[in-house]
């Protein structure tokens, strides 16, 4: 890929990484650190772009198809392995989900008695009415 097309690929990824978190939030998909957007969608775009902008054979359907197959294979493998691992954990340990109380409080508070984003906590108290005496 020439530098010009690498810049175009990066620019498209920059647009995707700006737009897709909003879409994910509207779909109510929880991705706090935007890992799915960055590594999933932008990674898929980068893989596809490598085929689209392949030097001396730009927009070659065969190359693009191979790149698409690579994207689908990586997704199927990653999703399939994760599904098996989490299903086994669910059967053996009863899952990885914390209690509803801990989920509502947030694990930063549950594990460390700290609120990681105090600016988002308005009038929230858990144990007492005074946040300085919450533990």
Protein backbone atom coordinates (compact mmCIF):
# COMPACT_ATOMS: atom_id res chain seq x y z
CA UNK A 1 0.00 0.00 0.00
CA UNK A 2 1.39 3.38 -0.94
CA UNK A 3 1.70 6.12 1.69
CA UNK A 4 -1.20 8.06 0.15
CA UNK A 5 -3.56 5.10 0.51
CA UNK A 6 -2.23 4.40 4.00
CA UNK A 7 -3.20 7.96 4.94
CA UNK A 8 -6.65 7.45 3.39
CA UNK A 9 -7.04 4.16 5.28
CA UNK A 10 -6.07 5.84 8.54
CA UNK A 11 -8.43 8.75 7.89
CA UNK A 12 -11.34 6.37 7.30
CA UNK A 13 -10.44 4.52 10.51
CA UNK A 14 -10.40 7.88 12.30
CA UNK A 15 -13.92 8.59 11.09
CA UNK A 16 -15.06 5.10 12.09
CA UNK A 17 -13.59 5.39 15.58
CA UNK A 18 -15.46 8.68 16.02
CA UNK A 19 -18.85 7.53 14.73
CA UNK A 20 -19.14 3.90 15.82
CA UNK A 21 -19.04 4.45 19.61
CA UNK A 22 -22.14 6.62 19.25
CA UNK A 23 -23.84 3.88 17.22
CA UNK A 24 -22.81 1.25 19.77
CA UNK A 25 -24.23 3.37 22.58
CA UNK A 26 -27.53 3.86 20.73
CA UNK A 27 -27.71 0.08 20.28
CA UNK A 28 -27.11 -0.20 24.05
CA UNK A 29 -23.93 -2.23 23.57
CA UNK A 30 -21.61 -1.79 26.52
CA UNK A 31 -18.06 -1.13 25.37
CA UNK A 32 -16.56 1.22 27.94
CA UNK A 33 -13.11 1.47 26.35
CA UNK A 34 -14.32 1.22 22.71
CA UNK A 35 -12.32 -1.97 22.18
CA UNK A 36 -14.87 -3.38 19.72
CA UNK A 37 -14.77 -0.19 17.69
CA UNK A 38 -10.99 0.15 17.65
CA UNK A 39 -9.88 -3.46 17.37
CA UNK A 40 -12.96 -4.99 15.78
CA UNK A 41 -14.39 -2.54 13.28
CA UNK A 42 -11.26 -0.49 12.58
CA UNK A 43 -9.16 -3.65 12.47
CA UNK A 44 -11.58 -5.15 9.95
CA UNK A 45 -11.46 -1.94 7.92
CA UNK A 46 -7.63 -1.97 7.94
CA UNK A 47 -7.60 -5.59 6.78
CA UNK A 48 -10.08 -4.82 4.02
CA UNK A 49 -8.22 -1.64 3.03
CA UNK A 50 -5.01 -3.64 2.59
CA UNK A 51 -6.84 -5.61 -0.10
CA UNK A 52 -8.60 -2.61 -1.61
CA UNK A 53 -5.42 -0.59 -2.03
CA UNK A 54 -3.04 -3.44 -2.88
CA UNK A 55 -0.32 -1.96 -5.10
CA UNK A 56 -0.65 -2.60 -8.85
CA UNK A 57 -3.91 -4.49 -8.28
CA UNK A 58 -6.21 -1.96 -6.64
CA UNK A 59 -9.83 -3.04 -6.18
CA UNK A 60 -9.00 -6.60 -7.28
CA UNK A 61 -12.08 -8.64 -6.34
CA UNK A 62 -10.03 -11.75 -5.59
CA UNK A 63 -7.73 -9.98 -3.16
CA UNK A 64 -10.64 -8.20 -1.49
CA UNK A 65 -12.47 -11.53 -1.15
CA UNK A 66 -9.44 -13.12 0.52
CA UNK A 67 -9.20 -10.19 2.94
CA UNK A 68 -12.94 -10.50 3.67
CA UNK A 69 -12.51 -14.21 4.29
CA UNK A 70 -9.68 -13.41 6.69
CA UNK A 71 -11.92 -10.98 8.59
CA UNK A 72 -14.73 -13.55 8.83
CA UNK A 73 -12.32 -16.30 9.86
CA UNK A 74 -10.74 -14.18 12.60
CA UNK A 75 -14.19 -13.19 13.89
CA UNK A 76 -15.52 -16.76 13.81
CA UNK A 77 -12.43 -18.11 15.58
CA UNK A 78 -12.36 -15.39 18.25
CA UNK A 79 -16.11 -15.51 18.87
CA UNK A 80 -16.23 -19.30 18.80
CA UNK A 81 -13.36 -19.79 21.25
CA UNK A 82 -14.72 -17.09 23.58
CA UNK A 83 -18.19 -18.65 23.47
CA UNK A 84 -16.81 -22.05 24.44
CA UNK A 85 -14.61 -20.63 27.22
CA UNK A 86 -17.41 -18.55 28.74
CA UNK A 87 -19.92 -21.40 28.44
CA UNK A 88 -17.53 -23.68 30.33
CA UNK A 89 -16.99 -20.98 32.97
CA UNK A 90 -20.75 -20.57 33.24
CA UNK A 91 -21.23 -24.30 33.78
CA UNK A 92 -18.30 -24.72 36.18
CA UNK A 93 -18.38 -21.46 38.15
CA UNK A 94 -21.91 -20.28 37.53
CA UNK A 95 -20.69 -17.47 35.29
CA UNK A 96 -18.58 -14.38 35.80
CA UNK A 97 -21.29 -11.86 36.60
CA UNK A 98 -21.15 -10.04 39.92
CA UNK A 99 -24.20 -9.55 42.13
CA UNK A 100 -26.75 -6.91 41.16
CA UNK A 101 -25.73 -4.76 44.14
CA UNK A 102 -22.06 -4.79 43.13
CA UNK A 103 -22.97 -4.16 39.51
CA UNK A 104 -25.02 -1.10 40.44
CA UNK A 105 -22.35 0.24 42.77
CA UNK A 106 -19.56 -0.45 40.33
CA UNK A 107 -16.60 -2.71 40.94
CA UNK A 108 -14.28 0.20 41.68
CA UNK A 109 -16.31 0.83 44.81
CA UNK A 110 -16.90 -2.84 45.62
CA UNK A 111 -13.27 -3.88 45.26
CA UNK A 112 -11.43 -0.73 46.35
CA UNK A 113 -13.97 1.49 48.15
CA UNK A 114 -13.20 4.13 45.53
CA UNK A 115 -15.32 5.90 42.97
CA UNK A 116 -13.21 6.04 39.84
CA UNK A 117 -15.24 8.83 38.26
CA UNK A 118 -16.54 10.96 41.13
CA UNK A 119 -17.64 13.67 38.70
CA UNK A 120 -20.34 11.28 37.46
CA UNK A 121 -21.58 10.43 40.95
CA UNK A 122 -24.27 12.86 41.99
CA UNK A 123 -25.68 12.45 45.47
CA UNK A 124 -24.75 8.78 45.56
CA UNK A 125 -24.10 7.14 48.87
CA UNK A 126 -23.92 3.47 49.62
CA UNK A 127 -23.29 2.86 53.30
CA UNK A 128 -23.86 6.29 54.85
CA UNK A 129 -25.18 9.70 53.95
CA UNK A 130 -21.65 11.09 54.06
CA UNK A 131 -19.38 10.09 51.17
CA UNK A 132 -16.30 10.65 53.35
CA UNK A 133 -17.53 7.92 55.72
CA UNK A 134 -18.73 5.47 53.13
CA UNK A 135 -16.58 2.50 54.11
